[in-house]
Structure formats: structure tokens, C-alpha cells
């Protein structure tokens, strides 16, 4: 998935032995959510947003795929988001046909980033989230938002050891 795909703009602010701090620019995302209590496969969320960018929108306009696909839990819901290509702004993106897809202006932020490969299932991701939380605490950094899983490669076509995954943990900086 990540080959030749646009990624959100960021600047590396600080590099530590096991993680780095990045400053991300403002972005626009297409997001979909479902209640945490409801068992929903991530592939359902993925298909909903993919349908939107592949032309299932009010303008029947295709939008280029970007990386990463982000997932997280917040406010009692599961979220998935695709960042929109930088050529778009909130006013020139086509309106989704589905009322489940929300187009969101996302303010730039500082995030601690822990990179990992192989699989990104919830148990494994949870271990990396806890590891990053310990690492930032050891550096006296403060988490200020929900951790996000950022998946850069198509898990259906990329060998596990070649996958690029990251935990993004919003922090005060």
C-alpha cells in the first residue's frame, strides 16, 4: 500500500533510541466510526472509506489512496481514517454518499512514534502501545490523546516482515 503513496507531512523533532517525536501538519481525513461494544471487522470500515475514495461520492470523483490508514479507540467508539491527498481542502472534497463517513479537518500535532513490522492485530498493537507509553514516561513526556495504529502497507499483499506499522501517541511538546 505505501509504495508511491502520499503521506501526511511531518517533521522529525527529536530522535530517541527506540522512538521519535514528530510534528504533523494539519490534514483532512475521511473517518468512519462504530461503537466499541459492536463487533465490527476493520475490513468493513476500510471498505466504507475505500468506496468513498474510489468514487462512491456525490461527484463520482476518484481520490488517490494515501498512507497510512489509521485506527484508534476514543469516546466509546472504534475509528478508522484515511488522510486525504494534500491537493484537497475541506471545501473541494466531494461529499460522501454515506452519512457514516465524516470529512474532518484535523489539526496538526506532536506525536511520539514507535515503528514495528509484522502483524498489527489488537493484542500485538496493545503491547506496542504500552511499550511506547513507558518510553515516553521515561523521557518525562506527557500523552495528551488516544494512541493510533498507523498501517502503511496492504496486509493482503505485503509479506509480514516487510510491513511498516507505527504507533502514534499524541504528546505535549
N, C-alpha and C. Protein backbone atom coordinates (compact mmCIF):
# COMPACT_ATOMS: atom_id res chain seq x y z
N UNK A 1 0.81 -1.19 0.00
CA UNK A 1 0.00 0.00 0.00
C UNK A 1 0.86 1.26 0.00
N UNK A 2 1.94 1.33 0.74
CA UNK A 2 2.68 2.57 0.91
C UNK A 2 3.55 2.94 -0.28
N UNK A 3 3.74 2.03 -1.23
CA UNK A 3 4.58 2.34 -2.38
C UNK A 3 4.02 3.51 -3.17
N UNK A 4 4.80 4.58 -3.28
CA UNK A 4 4.43 5.75 -4.07
C UNK A 4 3.14 6.42 -3.63
N UNK A 5 2.72 6.21 -2.40
CA UNK A 5 1.52 6.86 -1.90
C UNK A 5 1.91 8.09 -1.10
N UNK A 6 1.11 9.14 -1.25
CA UNK A 6 1.34 10.35 -0.47
C UNK A 6 1.12 10.05 1.01
N UNK A 7 1.97 10.63 1.84
CA UNK A 7 1.84 10.51 3.29
C UNK A 7 1.69 11.90 3.89
N UNK A 8 1.07 12.00 5.06
CA UNK A 8 0.93 13.32 5.69
C UNK A 8 2.30 13.95 5.95
N UNK A 9 2.35 15.26 5.81
CA UNK A 9 3.59 15.99 6.02
C UNK A 9 3.94 16.02 7.51
N UNK A 10 5.21 15.76 7.82
CA UNK A 10 5.67 15.86 9.21
C UNK A 10 7.14 16.21 9.23
N UNK A 11 7.57 16.64 10.41
CA UNK A 11 8.98 16.93 10.65
C UNK A 11 9.40 16.15 11.89
N UNK A 12 10.54 15.47 11.81
CA UNK A 12 11.07 14.78 13.00
C UNK A 12 11.69 15.85 13.90
N UNK A 13 11.18 15.92 15.13
CA UNK A 13 11.61 16.93 16.10
C UNK A 13 12.73 16.41 16.99
N UNK A 14 12.61 15.14 17.39
CA UNK A 14 13.59 14.53 18.29
C UNK A 14 13.65 13.04 18.01
N UNK A 15 14.86 12.50 17.98
CA UNK A 15 15.04 11.06 17.81
C UNK A 15 15.64 10.47 19.08
N UNK A 16 14.95 9.47 19.60
CA UNK A 16 15.43 8.72 20.76
C UNK A 16 15.86 7.35 20.27
N UNK A 17 16.41 6.55 21.16
CA UNK A 17 16.90 5.23 20.76
C UNK A 17 15.79 4.35 20.17
N UNK A 18 14.61 4.34 20.79
CA UNK A 18 13.55 3.42 20.35
C UNK A 18 12.33 4.09 19.73
N UNK A 19 12.27 5.41 19.76
CA UNK A 19 11.13 6.10 19.17
C UNK A 19 11.55 7.50 18.75
N UNK A 20 10.64 8.18 18.06
CA UNK A 20 10.92 9.56 17.66
C UNK A 20 9.69 10.42 17.92
N UNK A 21 9.91 11.72 17.97
CA UNK A 21 8.83 12.69 18.11
C UNK A 21 8.71 13.42 16.78
N UNK A 22 7.49 13.47 16.27
CA UNK A 22 7.21 14.16 15.01
C UNK A 22 6.19 15.27 15.24
N UNK A 23 6.28 16.29 14.40
CA UNK A 23 5.27 17.35 14.35
C UNK A 23 4.55 17.19 13.02
N UNK A 24 3.28 16.81 13.08
CA UNK A 24 2.47 16.63 11.87
C UNK A 24 1.77 17.93 11.51
N UNK A 25 1.66 18.18 10.22
CA UNK A 25 0.92 19.33 9.71
C UNK A 25 -0.58 19.04 9.79
N UNK A 26 -1.39 20.07 9.63
CA UNK A 26 -2.84 19.90 9.56
C UNK A 26 -3.17 19.00 8.37
N UNK A 27 -4.20 18.18 8.51
CA UNK A 27 -4.64 17.30 7.43
C UNK A 27 -6.17 17.29 7.38
N UNK A 28 -6.67 16.67 6.34
CA UNK A 28 -8.10 16.40 6.22
C UNK A 28 -8.24 14.89 6.14
N UNK A 29 -9.18 14.35 6.90
CA UNK A 29 -9.37 12.90 6.92
C UNK A 29 -10.81 12.54 6.60
N UNK A 30 -10.97 11.39 5.98
CA UNK A 30 -12.27 10.73 5.87
C UNK A 30 -12.28 9.69 6.98
N UNK A 31 -13.24 9.82 7.91
CA UNK A 31 -13.29 8.94 9.07
C UNK A 31 -14.62 8.21 9.13
N UNK A 32 -14.58 7.01 9.69
CA UNK A 32 -15.79 6.25 9.97
C UNK A 32 -15.63 5.67 11.37
N UNK A 33 -16.75 5.57 12.09
CA UNK A 33 -16.71 5.08 13.47
C UNK A 33 -17.85 4.11 13.73
N UNK A 34 -17.65 3.27 14.73
CA UNK A 34 -18.71 2.38 15.20
C UNK A 34 -18.53 2.20 16.70
N UNK A 35 -19.61 1.89 17.42
CA UNK A 35 -19.49 1.73 18.88
C UNK A 35 -18.51 0.62 19.24
N UNK A 36 -17.75 0.84 20.32
CA UNK A 36 -16.81 -0.17 20.80
C UNK A 36 -17.51 -1.47 21.15
N UNK A 37 -18.73 -1.36 21.63
CA UNK A 37 -19.47 -2.55 22.06
C UNK A 37 -19.87 -3.43 20.88
N UNK A 38 -19.86 -2.86 19.69
CA UNK A 38 -20.27 -3.59 18.50
C UNK A 38 -19.04 -4.23 17.86
N UNK A 39 -19.12 -5.52 17.60
CA UNK A 39 -18.02 -6.24 16.96
C UNK A 39 -18.05 -5.95 15.46
N UNK A 40 -17.17 -5.06 15.01
CA UNK A 40 -17.10 -4.69 13.60
C UNK A 40 -15.70 -4.97 13.10
N UNK A 41 -15.61 -5.70 12.03
CA UNK A 41 -14.32 -6.01 11.43
C UNK A 41 -13.71 -4.73 10.84
N UNK A 42 -12.40 -4.51 11.06
CA UNK A 42 -11.76 -3.35 10.44
C UNK A 42 -11.93 -3.32 8.92
N UNK A 43 -12.09 -4.49 8.31
CA UNK A 43 -12.25 -4.51 6.85
C UNK A 43 -13.55 -3.84 6.42
N UNK A 44 -14.56 -3.84 7.28
CA UNK A 44 -15.82 -3.16 6.94
C UNK A 44 -15.58 -1.65 6.89
N UNK A 45 -14.89 -1.11 7.90
CA UNK A 45 -14.56 0.32 7.89
C UNK A 45 -13.69 0.66 6.68
N UNK A 46 -12.71 -0.20 6.42
CA UNK A 46 -11.82 0.04 5.29
C UNK A 46 -12.62 0.13 3.99
N UNK A 47 -13.52 -0.82 3.77
CA UNK A 47 -14.31 -0.83 2.53
C UNK A 47 -15.20 0.41 2.42
N UNK A 48 -15.74 0.86 3.54
CA UNK A 48 -16.59 2.06 3.51
C UNK A 48 -15.81 3.27 3.01
N UNK A 49 -14.63 3.48 3.57
CA UNK A 49 -13.84 4.65 3.16
C UNK A 49 -13.25 4.43 1.77
N UNK A 50 -12.82 3.20 1.47
CA UNK A 50 -12.30 2.91 0.13
C UNK A 50 -13.36 3.17 -0.93
N UNK A 51 -14.59 2.78 -0.68
CA UNK A 51 -15.67 3.06 -1.63
C UNK A 51 -15.80 4.56 -1.88
N UNK A 52 -15.68 5.35 -0.83
CA UNK A 52 -15.74 6.81 -0.97
C UNK A 52 -14.63 7.31 -1.89
N UNK A 53 -13.38 6.91 -1.63
CA UNK A 53 -12.28 7.44 -2.45
C UNK A 53 -12.26 6.86 -3.85
N UNK A 54 -12.88 5.70 -4.05
CA UNK A 54 -12.93 5.11 -5.39
C UNK A 54 -14.10 5.64 -6.21
N UNK A 55 -14.82 6.64 -5.69
CA UNK A 55 -15.84 7.31 -6.49
C UNK A 55 -17.26 7.22 -5.99
N UNK A 56 -17.51 6.52 -4.89
CA UNK A 56 -18.86 6.46 -4.34
C UNK A 56 -19.08 7.71 -3.48
N UNK A 57 -19.18 8.85 -4.19
CA UNK A 57 -19.39 10.15 -3.55
C UNK A 57 -20.25 11.00 -4.47
N UNK A 58 -20.66 12.16 -4.01
CA UNK A 58 -21.62 13.00 -4.75
C UNK A 58 -21.10 13.44 -6.12
N UNK A 59 -19.80 13.49 -6.31
CA UNK A 59 -19.22 13.89 -7.60
C UNK A 59 -18.75 12.69 -8.42
N UNK A 60 -18.94 11.50 -7.92
CA UNK A 60 -18.38 10.27 -8.52
C UNK A 60 -16.91 10.48 -8.91
N UNK A 61 -16.19 11.15 -8.03
CA UNK A 61 -14.79 11.50 -8.25
C UNK A 61 -13.88 10.54 -7.50
N UNK A 62 -12.90 9.99 -8.20
CA UNK A 62 -11.89 9.15 -7.53
C UNK A 62 -10.88 10.04 -6.83
N UNK A 63 -10.43 9.58 -5.68
CA UNK A 63 -9.44 10.28 -4.87
C UNK A 63 -8.29 9.30 -4.65
N UNK A 64 -7.07 9.78 -4.82
CA UNK A 64 -5.91 8.90 -4.67
C UNK A 64 -5.82 8.34 -3.26
N UNK A 65 -5.40 7.09 -3.18
CA UNK A 65 -5.14 6.45 -1.89
C UNK A 65 -3.89 7.08 -1.29
N UNK A 66 -3.87 7.23 0.02
CA UNK A 66 -2.70 7.71 0.75
C UNK A 66 -2.34 6.68 1.82
N UNK A 67 -1.25 6.90 2.48
CA UNK A 67 -0.85 6.05 3.61
C UNK A 67 -0.45 6.98 4.75
N UNK A 68 -0.64 6.58 5.97
CA UNK A 68 -1.16 5.30 6.42
C UNK A 68 -2.68 5.31 6.58
N UNK A 69 -3.23 4.13 6.81
CA UNK A 69 -4.60 4.01 7.31
C UNK A 69 -4.46 3.98 8.82
N UNK A 70 -5.24 4.82 9.50
CA UNK A 70 -5.15 4.89 10.96
C UNK A 70 -6.39 4.30 11.62
N UNK A 71 -6.18 3.63 12.74
CA UNK A 71 -7.28 3.12 13.56
C UNK A 71 -7.01 3.48 15.01
N UNK A 72 -8.09 3.73 15.76
CA UNK A 72 -7.96 4.04 17.17
C UNK A 72 -9.31 3.91 17.87
N UNK A 73 -9.27 3.92 19.19
CA UNK A 73 -10.46 3.89 20.03
C UNK A 73 -10.53 5.19 20.80
N UNK A 74 -11.73 5.80 20.81
CA UNK A 74 -11.90 7.07 21.51
C UNK A 74 -13.39 7.32 21.70
N UNK A 75 -13.76 7.92 22.82
CA UNK A 75 -15.16 8.29 23.08
C UNK A 75 -16.11 7.11 22.96
N UNK A 76 -15.66 5.91 23.33
CA UNK A 76 -16.51 4.73 23.26
C UNK A 76 -16.75 4.22 21.85
N UNK A 77 -15.88 4.61 20.90
CA UNK A 77 -16.04 4.17 19.51
C UNK A 77 -14.71 3.70 18.93
N UNK A 78 -14.81 2.85 17.91
CA UNK A 78 -13.67 2.46 17.06
C UNK A 78 -13.66 3.39 15.87
N UNK A 79 -12.51 3.94 15.54
CA UNK A 79 -12.37 4.83 14.39
C UNK A 79 -11.39 4.26 13.38
N UNK A 80 -11.63 4.59 12.11
CA UNK A 80 -10.66 4.36 11.05
C UNK A 80 -10.64 5.63 10.21
N UNK A 81 -9.45 5.99 9.73
CA UNK A 81 -9.33 7.21 8.92
C UNK A 81 -8.32 7.03 7.81
N UNK A 82 -8.65 7.64 6.67
CA UNK A 82 -7.72 7.82 5.56
C UNK A 82 -7.44 9.32 5.50
N UNK A 83 -6.18 9.70 5.37
CA UNK A 83 -5.85 11.10 5.15
C UNK A 83 -6.06 11.41 3.67
N UNK A 84 -6.66 12.55 3.40
CA UNK A 84 -6.92 12.95 2.02
C UNK A 84 -5.65 13.55 1.42
N UNK A 85 -5.48 13.40 0.10
CA UNK A 85 -4.30 13.99 -0.56
C UNK A 85 -4.23 15.50 -0.29
N UNK A 86 -3.02 16.03 -0.22
CA UNK A 86 -2.80 17.43 0.15
C UNK A 86 -3.37 18.43 -0.85
N UNK A 87 -3.69 18.00 -2.06
CA UNK A 87 -4.26 18.94 -3.04
C UNK A 87 -5.70 19.32 -2.70
N UNK A 88 -6.31 18.59 -1.77
CA UNK A 88 -7.69 18.88 -1.38
C UNK A 88 -7.74 19.75 -0.13
N UNK A 89 -8.84 20.50 -0.03
CA UNK A 89 -9.17 21.17 1.22
C UNK A 89 -10.60 20.79 1.58
N UNK A 90 -11.05 21.22 2.72
CA UNK A 90 -12.36 20.80 3.21
C UNK A 90 -13.48 21.22 2.26
N UNK A 91 -13.26 22.26 1.46
CA UNK A 91 -14.31 22.77 0.57
C UNK A 91 -14.34 22.13 -0.81
N UNK A 92 -13.23 21.50 -1.25
CA UNK A 92 -13.25 20.93 -2.60
C UNK A 92 -13.26 19.40 -2.63
N UNK A 93 -13.38 18.78 -1.46
CA UNK A 93 -13.54 17.32 -1.43
C UNK A 93 -14.99 16.97 -1.75
N UNK A 94 -15.21 15.92 -2.51
CA UNK A 94 -16.59 15.52 -2.78
C UNK A 94 -17.27 15.03 -1.50
N UNK A 95 -18.55 15.32 -1.40
CA UNK A 95 -19.33 14.89 -0.24
C UNK A 95 -19.58 13.39 -0.32
N UNK A 96 -19.40 12.67 0.78
CA UNK A 96 -19.65 11.22 0.76
C UNK A 96 -21.13 10.92 0.52
N UNK A 97 -21.42 9.82 -0.15
CA UNK A 97 -22.80 9.36 -0.28
C UNK A 97 -23.28 8.74 1.03
N UNK A 98 -22.36 8.17 1.79
CA UNK A 98 -22.70 7.53 3.06
C UNK A 98 -22.64 8.56 4.19
N UNK A 99 -23.69 8.59 5.01
CA UNK A 99 -23.67 9.51 6.15
C UNK A 99 -22.78 8.99 7.28
N UNK A 100 -22.23 7.79 7.14
CA UNK A 100 -21.31 7.25 8.15
C UNK A 100 -19.89 7.81 7.99
N UNK A 101 -19.58 8.29 6.81
CA UNK A 101 -18.24 8.84 6.56
C UNK A 101 -18.26 10.33 6.87
N UNK A 102 -17.36 10.74 7.74
CA UNK A 102 -17.25 12.15 8.13
C UNK A 102 -15.94 12.70 7.57
N UNK A 103 -16.02 13.87 6.96
CA UNK A 103 -14.82 14.56 6.47
C UNK A 103 -14.41 15.53 7.57
N UNK A 104 -13.19 15.35 8.08
CA UNK A 104 -12.75 16.10 9.26
C UNK A 104 -11.48 16.89 8.97
N UNK A 105 -11.46 18.14 9.43
CA UNK A 105 -10.25 18.94 9.48
C UNK A 105 -9.49 18.50 10.73
N UNK A 106 -8.29 18.01 10.58
CA UNK A 106 -7.52 17.50 11.73
C UNK A 106 -6.33 18.42 11.96
N UNK A 107 -6.29 19.01 13.14
CA UNK A 107 -5.22 19.93 13.48
C UNK A 107 -3.91 19.17 13.66
N UNK A 108 -2.83 19.76 13.19
CA UNK A 108 -1.51 19.15 13.35
C UNK A 108 -1.19 18.95 14.82
N UNK A 109 -0.30 18.02 15.10
CA UNK A 109 0.01 17.70 16.49
C UNK A 109 1.41 17.10 16.60
N UNK A 110 1.89 17.06 17.84
CA UNK A 110 3.13 16.37 18.15
C UNK A 110 2.77 14.94 18.54
N UNK A 111 3.49 13.97 17.98
CA UNK A 111 3.24 12.57 18.32
C UNK A 111 4.57 11.85 18.55
N UNK A 112 4.54 10.96 19.54
CA UNK A 112 5.64 10.02 19.73
C UNK A 112 5.33 8.84 18.82
N UNK A 113 6.33 8.36 18.10
CA UNK A 113 6.12 7.31 17.09
C UNK A 113 7.04 6.12 17.37
N UNK A 114 6.42 4.95 17.45
CA UNK A 114 7.15 3.70 17.61
C UNK A 114 6.88 2.85 16.37
N UNK A 115 7.94 2.49 15.65
CA UNK A 115 7.80 1.71 14.42
C UNK A 115 7.89 0.22 14.72
N UNK A 116 7.12 -0.58 13.96
CA UNK A 116 7.23 -2.04 14.07
C UNK A 116 6.76 -2.68 12.78
N UNK A 117 7.17 -3.93 12.58
CA UNK A 117 6.76 -4.67 11.39
C UNK A 117 5.95 -5.88 11.81
N UNK A 118 5.72 -6.76 10.90
CA UNK A 118 4.92 -7.96 11.09
C UNK A 118 3.45 -7.59 11.26
N UNK A 119 2.75 -8.36 12.08
CA UNK A 119 1.30 -8.23 12.19
C UNK A 119 0.91 -7.06 13.10
N UNK A 120 -0.32 -6.58 12.90
CA UNK A 120 -0.80 -5.44 13.69
C UNK A 120 -2.16 -5.72 14.32
N UNK A 121 -2.37 -6.96 14.76
CA UNK A 121 -3.61 -7.30 15.46
C UNK A 121 -3.70 -6.57 16.78
N UNK A 122 -4.88 -6.57 17.39
CA UNK A 122 -5.11 -5.76 18.59
C UNK A 122 -4.21 -6.15 19.76
N UNK A 123 -3.96 -7.44 19.98
CA UNK A 123 -3.11 -7.84 21.11
C UNK A 123 -1.67 -7.35 20.91
N UNK A 124 -1.16 -7.54 19.71
CA UNK A 124 0.22 -7.12 19.42
C UNK A 124 0.34 -5.60 19.45
N UNK A 125 -0.64 -4.92 18.86
CA UNK A 125 -0.64 -3.46 18.87
C UNK A 125 -0.70 -2.94 20.31
N UNK A 126 -1.52 -3.58 21.14
CA UNK A 126 -1.63 -3.18 22.54
C UNK A 126 -0.30 -3.24 23.27
N UNK A 127 0.50 -4.26 22.97
CA UNK A 127 1.83 -4.38 23.59
C UNK A 127 2.73 -3.22 23.18
N UNK A 128 2.67 -2.84 21.89
CA UNK A 128 3.50 -1.73 21.43
C UNK A 128 3.01 -0.39 21.99
N UNK A 129 1.71 -0.25 22.17
CA UNK A 129 1.19 0.97 22.80
C UNK A 129 1.74 1.09 24.21
N UNK A 130 1.66 0.02 24.98
CA UNK A 130 2.18 0.04 26.36
C UNK A 130 3.67 0.32 26.38
N UNK A 131 4.40 -0.26 25.44
CA UNK A 131 5.85 -0.01 25.37
C UNK A 131 6.12 1.47 25.12
N UNK A 132 5.41 2.06 24.16
CA UNK A 132 5.63 3.48 23.85
C UNK A 132 5.22 4.36 25.03
N UNK A 133 4.14 4.01 25.71
CA UNK A 133 3.74 4.79 26.89
C UNK A 133 4.83 4.77 27.96
N UNK A 134 5.47 3.62 28.16
CA UNK A 134 6.58 3.53 29.13
C UNK A 134 7.77 4.36 28.66
N UNK A 135 8.06 4.29 27.36
CA UNK A 135 9.21 5.03 26.82
C UNK A 135 9.02 6.54 26.96
N UNK A 136 7.83 7.03 26.68
CA UNK A 136 7.63 8.49 26.79
C UNK A 136 7.64 8.93 28.25
N UNK A 137 7.11 8.09 29.12
CA UNK A 137 7.12 8.42 30.55
C UNK A 137 8.56 8.53 31.05
N UNK A 138 9.43 7.63 30.59
CA UNK A 138 10.84 7.65 30.98
C UNK A 138 11.54 8.92 30.51
N UNK A 139 11.02 9.55 29.46
CA UNK A 139 11.59 10.80 28.94
C UNK A 139 10.83 12.02 29.46
N UNK A 140 9.93 11.81 30.43
CA UNK A 140 9.12 12.88 31.04
C UNK A 140 8.21 13.57 30.03
N UNK A 141 7.75 12.82 29.03
CA UNK A 141 6.79 13.35 28.07
C UNK A 141 5.39 12.95 28.51
N UNK A 142 4.40 13.79 28.17
CA UNK A 142 3.03 13.54 28.62
C UNK A 142 2.11 13.26 27.44
N UNK A 143 1.43 12.12 27.50
CA UNK A 143 0.43 11.74 26.50
C UNK A 143 -0.77 12.67 26.64
N UNK A 144 -1.31 13.14 25.50
CA UNK A 144 -2.48 14.02 25.58
C UNK A 144 -3.60 13.60 24.62
N UNK A 145 -3.61 12.36 24.21
CA UNK A 145 -4.67 11.88 23.32
C UNK A 145 -4.61 10.37 23.19
N UNK A 146 -5.53 9.85 22.42
CA UNK A 146 -5.62 8.40 22.23
C UNK A 146 -4.53 7.89 21.29
N UNK A 147 -3.95 6.72 21.61
CA UNK A 147 -2.97 6.12 20.69
C UNK A 147 -3.64 5.66 19.41
N UNK A 148 -2.90 5.78 18.31
CA UNK A 148 -3.41 5.36 16.99
C UNK A 148 -2.44 4.36 16.37
N UNK A 149 -3.02 3.39 15.69
CA UNK A 149 -2.24 2.47 14.88
C UNK A 149 -2.21 3.03 13.47
N UNK A 150 -1.02 3.16 12.90
CA UNK A 150 -0.85 3.63 11.52
C UNK A 150 -0.29 2.47 10.71
N UNK A 151 -1.05 2.02 9.72
CA UNK A 151 -0.66 0.89 8.87
C UNK A 151 -0.36 1.43 7.47
N UNK A 152 0.86 1.20 7.01
CA UNK A 152 1.32 1.76 5.74
C UNK A 152 1.22 0.79 4.57
N UNK A 153 1.18 -0.49 4.82
CA UNK A 153 1.23 -1.48 3.74
C UNK A 153 -0.01 -2.35 3.73
N UNK A 154 -0.38 -2.80 2.55
CA UNK A 154 -1.54 -3.67 2.38
C UNK A 154 -1.24 -5.02 3.03
N UNK A 155 -1.98 -5.38 4.10
CA UNK A 155 -1.70 -6.65 4.76
C UNK A 155 -2.04 -7.87 3.91
N UNK A 156 -2.79 -7.69 2.84
CA UNK A 156 -3.14 -8.81 1.97
C UNK A 156 -2.05 -9.11 0.95
N UNK A 157 -1.19 -8.13 0.65
CA UNK A 157 -0.20 -8.33 -0.40
C UNK A 157 1.25 -8.12 0.05
N UNK A 158 1.45 -7.67 1.28
CA UNK A 158 2.80 -7.40 1.76
C UNK A 158 3.20 -8.47 2.77
N UNK A 159 4.35 -9.07 2.56
CA UNK A 159 4.85 -10.08 3.50
C UNK A 159 4.97 -9.46 4.89
N UNK A 160 4.61 -10.20 5.94
CA UNK A 160 4.59 -9.64 7.29
C UNK A 160 5.88 -8.94 7.71
N UNK A 161 7.03 -9.54 7.42
CA UNK A 161 8.28 -8.93 7.87
C UNK A 161 8.62 -7.65 7.12
N UNK A 162 7.90 -7.37 6.01
CA UNK A 162 8.14 -6.15 5.23
C UNK A 162 7.14 -5.05 5.55
N UNK A 163 6.18 -5.33 6.40
CA UNK A 163 5.13 -4.34 6.70
C UNK A 163 5.67 -3.21 7.57
N UNK A 164 5.18 -2.04 7.28
CA UNK A 164 5.53 -0.85 8.06
C UNK A 164 4.31 -0.44 8.87
N UNK A 165 4.42 -0.55 10.17
CA UNK A 165 3.36 -0.14 11.08
C UNK A 165 3.97 0.82 12.10
N UNK A 166 3.13 1.69 12.65
CA UNK A 166 3.60 2.62 13.67
C UNK A 166 2.50 2.83 14.71
N UNK A 167 2.92 3.08 15.93
CA UNK A 167 2.02 3.57 16.96
C UNK A 167 2.27 5.07 17.03
N UNK A 168 1.19 5.86 16.95
CA UNK A 168 1.26 7.32 17.07
C UNK A 168 0.59 7.70 18.39
N UNK A 169 1.34 8.32 19.26
CA UNK A 169 0.83 8.70 20.57
C UNK A 169 0.93 10.22 20.71
N UNK A 170 -0.21 10.92 20.69
CA UNK A 170 -0.17 12.38 20.83
C UNK A 170 0.45 12.78 22.18
N UNK A 171 1.32 13.78 22.13
CA UNK A 171 2.02 14.22 23.35
C UNK A 171 2.05 15.74 23.42
N UNK A 172 2.28 16.23 24.64
CA UNK A 172 2.59 17.65 24.84
C UNK A 172 4.06 17.83 24.49
N UNK A 173 4.37 18.92 23.82
CA UNK A 173 5.77 19.18 23.48
C UNK A 173 6.08 20.65 23.68
